[in-house]
Amino acid sequence: MPTYDYECTSCGHQFEARQSMKDPHLTECPISGCSGPVKRRIGAGAGFIFKGSGFYITDYRSDAYKAAAKKDSAATTSSGSSSSSASSSASSPASSASAS
């Protein structure tokens, strides 16, 4: 059941009411002694509640997709490590030359 926000136009009392969407709008203030008219306010609504380990795009992928992605990441990692070793060997002579 949704929760609706109301506000009394006479006394300014704000309250919430749980109503079915088929129920008619409330018309009178619930405070005793005040029978002023109420108007429905625009509420913020409910937020999302995520439960579980997480909601990621990879949670629902097929096994074939996961295997292909694993191969691609392994190929990228192996090619990336060779270029980093080449750059470290190139920087070592320069650092020894500048130290002299």
N, C-alpha and C. Protein backbone atom coordinates (compact mmCIF):
# COMPACT_ATOMS: atom_id res chain seq x y z
N MET A 1 0.84 -1.18 0.00
CA MET A 1 0.00 0.00 0.00
C MET A 1 0.89 1.24 0.00
N PRO A 2 0.58 2.18 -0.86
CA PRO A 2 1.38 3.40 -0.90
C PRO A 2 1.10 4.32 0.29
N THR A 3 2.07 5.14 0.59
CA THR A 3 1.95 6.14 1.65
C THR A 3 1.83 7.50 1.00
N TYR A 4 0.81 8.25 1.40
CA TYR A 4 0.58 9.58 0.85
C TYR A 4 0.80 10.63 1.92
N ASP A 5 1.36 11.77 1.51
CA ASP A 5 1.60 12.89 2.41
C ASP A 5 0.44 13.88 2.27
N TYR A 6 -0.02 14.35 3.41
CA TYR A 6 -1.11 15.34 3.44
C TYR A 6 -0.69 16.52 4.30
N GLU A 7 -1.33 17.67 4.06
CA GLU A 7 -1.10 18.86 4.86
C GLU A 7 -2.43 19.60 5.04
N CYS A 8 -2.71 19.98 6.29
CA CYS A 8 -3.92 20.74 6.59
C CYS A 8 -3.70 22.19 6.17
N THR A 9 -4.66 22.75 5.46
CA THR A 9 -4.53 24.13 5.01
C THR A 9 -4.85 25.12 6.12
N SER A 10 -5.53 24.68 7.20
CA SER A 10 -5.87 25.58 8.30
C SER A 10 -4.75 25.67 9.34
N CYS A 11 -4.37 24.50 9.90
CA CYS A 11 -3.39 24.52 10.99
C CYS A 11 -1.98 24.17 10.54
N GLY A 12 -1.79 23.70 9.31
CA GLY A 12 -0.46 23.38 8.81
C GLY A 12 0.07 22.03 9.24
N HIS A 13 -0.77 21.21 9.88
CA HIS A 13 -0.36 19.88 10.32
C HIS A 13 -0.04 19.00 9.11
N GLN A 14 1.13 18.34 9.16
CA GLN A 14 1.52 17.45 8.08
C GLN A 14 1.49 16.02 8.59
N PHE A 15 0.96 15.11 7.79
CA PHE A 15 0.88 13.72 8.21
C PHE A 15 0.91 12.81 7.00
N GLU A 16 1.12 11.53 7.28
CA GLU A 16 1.14 10.53 6.23
C GLU A 16 -0.02 9.58 6.43
N ALA A 17 -0.54 9.04 5.35
CA ALA A 17 -1.63 8.07 5.42
C ALA A 17 -1.35 6.95 4.43
N ARG A 18 -1.49 5.71 4.92
CA ARG A 18 -1.34 4.55 4.04
C ARG A 18 -2.72 4.23 3.47
N GLN A 19 -2.83 4.36 2.17
CA GLN A 19 -4.11 4.15 1.51
C GLN A 19 -3.91 3.34 0.24
N SER A 20 -4.97 2.66 -0.15
CA SER A 20 -4.97 2.01 -1.45
C SER A 20 -5.11 3.09 -2.51
N MET A 21 -4.66 2.79 -3.71
CA MET A 21 -4.79 3.78 -4.78
C MET A 21 -6.25 3.99 -5.16
N LYS A 22 -7.11 3.05 -4.82
CA LYS A 22 -8.54 3.16 -5.13
C LYS A 22 -9.30 3.98 -4.09
N ASP A 23 -8.73 4.16 -2.90
CA ASP A 23 -9.41 4.91 -1.84
C ASP A 23 -9.51 6.39 -2.22
N PRO A 24 -10.58 7.06 -1.79
CA PRO A 24 -10.69 8.50 -2.06
C PRO A 24 -9.69 9.29 -1.21
N HIS A 25 -9.35 10.47 -1.67
CA HIS A 25 -8.43 11.34 -0.93
C HIS A 25 -9.05 11.73 0.41
N LEU A 26 -8.20 11.95 1.42
CA LEU A 26 -8.69 12.45 2.71
C LEU A 26 -9.09 13.90 2.54
N THR A 27 -10.09 14.32 3.31
CA THR A 27 -10.58 15.69 3.17
C THR A 27 -10.51 16.51 4.44
N GLU A 28 -10.43 15.84 5.62
CA GLU A 28 -10.44 16.58 6.89
C GLU A 28 -9.19 16.29 7.69
N CYS A 29 -8.76 17.29 8.45
CA CYS A 29 -7.59 17.17 9.32
C CYS A 29 -7.88 16.19 10.46
N PRO A 30 -6.93 15.28 10.78
CA PRO A 30 -7.17 14.31 11.85
C PRO A 30 -7.01 14.88 13.26
N ILE A 31 -6.53 16.10 13.41
CA ILE A 31 -6.34 16.69 14.74
C ILE A 31 -7.71 17.08 15.30
N SER A 32 -7.92 16.73 16.57
CA SER A 32 -9.21 17.07 17.18
C SER A 32 -9.32 18.58 17.35
N GLY A 33 -10.46 19.12 17.03
CA GLY A 33 -10.68 20.56 17.14
C GLY A 33 -10.40 21.31 15.85
N CYS A 34 -9.73 20.67 14.93
CA CYS A 34 -9.44 21.31 13.63
C CYS A 34 -10.12 20.48 12.56
N SER A 35 -11.08 21.06 11.92
CA SER A 35 -11.76 20.33 10.85
C SER A 35 -11.44 20.96 9.50
N GLY A 36 -10.24 21.51 9.40
CA GLY A 36 -9.83 22.19 8.17
C GLY A 36 -9.61 21.21 7.03
N PRO A 37 -9.68 21.70 5.83
CA PRO A 37 -9.46 20.83 4.67
C PRO A 37 -7.97 20.48 4.52
N VAL A 38 -7.71 19.32 3.99
CA VAL A 38 -6.34 18.89 3.76
C VAL A 38 -6.10 18.74 2.26
N LYS A 39 -4.85 18.91 1.89
CA LYS A 39 -4.48 18.70 0.49
C LYS A 39 -3.35 17.68 0.44
N ARG A 40 -3.34 16.90 -0.62
CA ARG A 40 -2.30 15.90 -0.78
C ARG A 40 -1.04 16.57 -1.31
N ARG A 41 0.07 16.29 -0.66
CA ARG A 41 1.35 16.85 -1.07
C ARG A 41 2.07 15.85 -1.95
N ILE A 42 2.98 16.35 -2.71
CA ILE A 42 3.81 15.47 -3.54
C ILE A 42 4.92 14.94 -2.65
N GLY A 43 4.95 13.62 -2.50
CA GLY A 43 5.94 13.00 -1.64
C GLY A 43 7.20 12.62 -2.40
N ALA A 44 8.23 12.31 -1.66
CA ALA A 44 9.50 11.91 -2.26
C ALA A 44 9.45 10.48 -2.77
N GLY A 45 8.54 9.69 -2.25
CA GLY A 45 8.45 8.31 -2.68
C GLY A 45 9.42 7.43 -1.92
N ALA A 46 9.43 6.19 -2.27
CA ALA A 46 10.31 5.23 -1.60
C ALA A 46 11.60 5.07 -2.38
N GLY A 47 12.66 4.80 -1.68
CA GLY A 47 13.95 4.56 -2.32
C GLY A 47 14.11 3.10 -2.67
N PHE A 48 15.15 2.80 -3.41
CA PHE A 48 15.44 1.43 -3.77
C PHE A 48 16.19 0.75 -2.64
N ILE A 49 15.92 -0.51 -2.44
CA ILE A 49 16.65 -1.30 -1.46
C ILE A 49 17.30 -2.45 -2.22
N PHE A 50 18.63 -2.44 -2.27
CA PHE A 50 19.36 -3.51 -2.93
C PHE A 50 19.82 -4.50 -1.88
N LYS A 51 19.45 -5.75 -2.06
CA LYS A 51 19.87 -6.80 -1.14
C LYS A 51 20.67 -7.83 -1.91
N GLY A 52 21.62 -8.43 -1.26
CA GLY A 52 22.41 -9.47 -1.91
C GLY A 52 23.86 -9.08 -2.05
N SER A 53 24.58 -9.89 -2.80
CA SER A 53 26.02 -9.67 -2.93
C SER A 53 26.35 -8.48 -3.82
N GLY A 54 25.47 -8.13 -4.71
CA GLY A 54 25.72 -6.99 -5.58
C GLY A 54 24.97 -7.13 -6.88
N PHE A 55 24.85 -6.04 -7.57
CA PHE A 55 24.15 -6.02 -8.84
C PHE A 55 25.12 -5.49 -9.88
N TYR A 56 25.79 -6.41 -10.53
CA TYR A 56 26.78 -6.05 -11.53
C TYR A 56 26.40 -6.69 -12.86
N ILE A 57 26.90 -6.16 -13.94
CA ILE A 57 26.58 -6.69 -15.25
C ILE A 57 27.13 -8.11 -15.39
N THR A 58 28.18 -8.43 -14.67
CA THR A 58 28.79 -9.76 -14.79
C THR A 58 28.07 -10.81 -13.98
N ASP A 59 27.12 -10.44 -13.16
CA ASP A 59 26.40 -11.42 -12.33
C ASP A 59 25.54 -12.36 -13.16
N TYR A 60 25.07 -11.93 -14.30
CA TYR A 60 24.12 -12.72 -15.06
C TYR A 60 24.68 -13.14 -16.42
N ARG A 61 25.98 -13.12 -16.60
CA ARG A 61 26.60 -13.50 -17.87
C ARG A 61 26.68 -15.01 -17.99
N SER A 62 26.73 -15.50 -19.22
CA SER A 62 26.84 -16.94 -19.47
C SER A 62 28.28 -17.39 -19.20
N ASP A 63 28.45 -18.71 -19.06
CA ASP A 63 29.78 -19.25 -18.80
C ASP A 63 30.71 -19.05 -20.00
N ALA A 64 30.16 -19.12 -21.23
CA ALA A 64 30.97 -18.90 -22.42
C ALA A 64 31.50 -17.47 -22.46
N TYR A 65 30.68 -16.51 -22.08
CA TYR A 65 31.10 -15.11 -22.06
C TYR A 65 32.20 -14.92 -21.02
N LYS A 66 32.04 -15.52 -19.85
CA LYS A 66 33.04 -15.37 -18.78
C LYS A 66 34.37 -15.97 -19.20
N ALA A 67 34.34 -17.13 -19.91
CA ALA A 67 35.58 -17.77 -20.38
C ALA A 67 36.28 -16.89 -21.39
N ALA A 68 35.53 -16.31 -22.33
CA ALA A 68 36.13 -15.43 -23.34
C ALA A 68 36.71 -14.17 -22.70
N ALA A 69 36.02 -13.62 -21.73
CA ALA A 69 36.51 -12.43 -21.04
C ALA A 69 37.78 -12.74 -20.27
N LYS A 70 37.87 -13.93 -19.70
CA LYS A 70 39.06 -14.33 -18.96
C LYS A 70 40.25 -14.45 -19.89
N LYS A 71 40.03 -15.02 -21.11
CA LYS A 71 41.11 -15.12 -22.10
C LYS A 71 41.58 -13.74 -22.53
N ASP A 72 40.64 -12.83 -22.76
CA ASP A 72 41.00 -11.48 -23.19
C ASP A 72 41.80 -10.75 -22.11
N SER A 73 41.40 -10.88 -20.86
CA SER A 73 42.12 -10.19 -19.79
C SER A 73 43.50 -10.80 -19.59
N ALA A 74 43.64 -12.11 -19.79
CA ALA A 74 44.95 -12.75 -19.66
C ALA A 74 45.87 -12.31 -20.79
N ALA A 75 45.34 -12.19 -22.01
CA ALA A 75 46.13 -11.75 -23.16
C ALA A 75 46.56 -10.29 -22.98
N THR A 76 45.70 -9.47 -22.46
CA THR A 76 46.02 -8.07 -22.24
C THR A 76 47.07 -7.91 -21.16
N THR A 77 46.97 -8.71 -20.11
CA THR A 77 47.93 -8.65 -19.00
C THR A 77 49.31 -9.10 -19.46
N SER A 78 49.41 -10.17 -20.25
CA SER A 78 50.71 -10.66 -20.69
C SER A 78 51.37 -9.69 -21.67
N SER A 79 50.62 -9.06 -22.56
CA SER A 79 51.21 -8.10 -23.49
C SER A 79 51.57 -6.81 -22.77
N GLY A 80 50.85 -6.46 -21.75
CA GLY A 80 51.13 -5.24 -21.00
C GLY A 80 52.37 -5.37 -20.14
N SER A 81 52.69 -6.58 -19.66
CA SER A 81 53.86 -6.76 -18.80
C SER A 81 55.15 -6.70 -19.60
N SER A 82 55.15 -7.12 -20.90
CA SER A 82 56.37 -7.08 -21.70
C SER A 82 56.75 -5.64 -22.01
N SER A 83 55.77 -4.77 -22.23
CA SER A 83 56.09 -3.38 -22.52
C SER A 83 56.58 -2.65 -21.28
N SER A 84 56.13 -3.05 -20.12
CA SER A 84 56.59 -2.38 -18.91
C SER A 84 58.01 -2.81 -18.57
N SER A 85 58.40 -4.07 -18.90
CA SER A 85 59.77 -4.49 -18.64
C SER A 85 60.73 -3.81 -19.59
N ALA A 86 60.30 -3.55 -20.83
CA ALA A 86 61.14 -2.86 -21.79
C ALA A 86 61.37 -1.42 -21.37
N SER A 87 60.37 -0.79 -20.84
CA SER A 87 60.52 0.60 -20.41
C SER A 87 61.39 0.71 -19.17
N SER A 88 61.36 -0.30 -18.30
CA SER A 88 62.19 -0.24 -17.11
C SER A 88 63.66 -0.49 -17.46
N SER A 89 63.95 -1.34 -18.49
CA SER A 89 65.31 -1.56 -18.89
C SER A 89 65.87 -0.35 -19.61
N ALA A 90 65.03 0.38 -20.31
CA ALA A 90 65.48 1.58 -21.01
C ALA A 90 65.76 2.70 -20.04
N SER A 91 65.06 2.72 -18.93
CA SER A 91 65.27 3.82 -17.98
C SER A 91 66.46 3.57 -17.09
N SER A 92 66.90 2.34 -16.92
CA SER A 92 68.01 2.06 -16.02
C SER A 92 69.34 2.59 -16.54
N PRO A 93 69.69 2.50 -17.87
CA PRO A 93 70.95 3.09 -18.32
C PRO A 93 70.94 4.60 -18.19
N ALA A 94 69.83 5.23 -18.39
CA ALA A 94 69.76 6.68 -18.29
C ALA A 94 70.00 7.12 -16.87
N SER A 95 69.47 6.37 -15.93
CA SER A 95 69.65 6.75 -14.54
C SER A 95 71.09 6.52 -14.09
N SER A 96 71.77 5.48 -14.62
CA SER A 96 73.17 5.24 -14.25
C SER A 96 74.09 6.27 -14.92
N ALA A 97 73.71 6.73 -16.13
CA ALA A 97 74.51 7.73 -16.83
C ALA A 97 74.43 9.08 -16.13
N SER A 98 73.25 9.40 -15.62
CA SER A 98 73.11 10.69 -14.95
C SER A 98 73.75 10.68 -13.58
N ALA A 99 73.91 9.51 -12.99
CA ALA A 99 74.55 9.42 -11.67
C ALA A 99 76.03 9.65 -11.78
N SER A 100 76.66 9.38 -12.93
CA SER A 100 78.11 9.52 -13.11
C SER A 100 78.51 10.91 -13.22
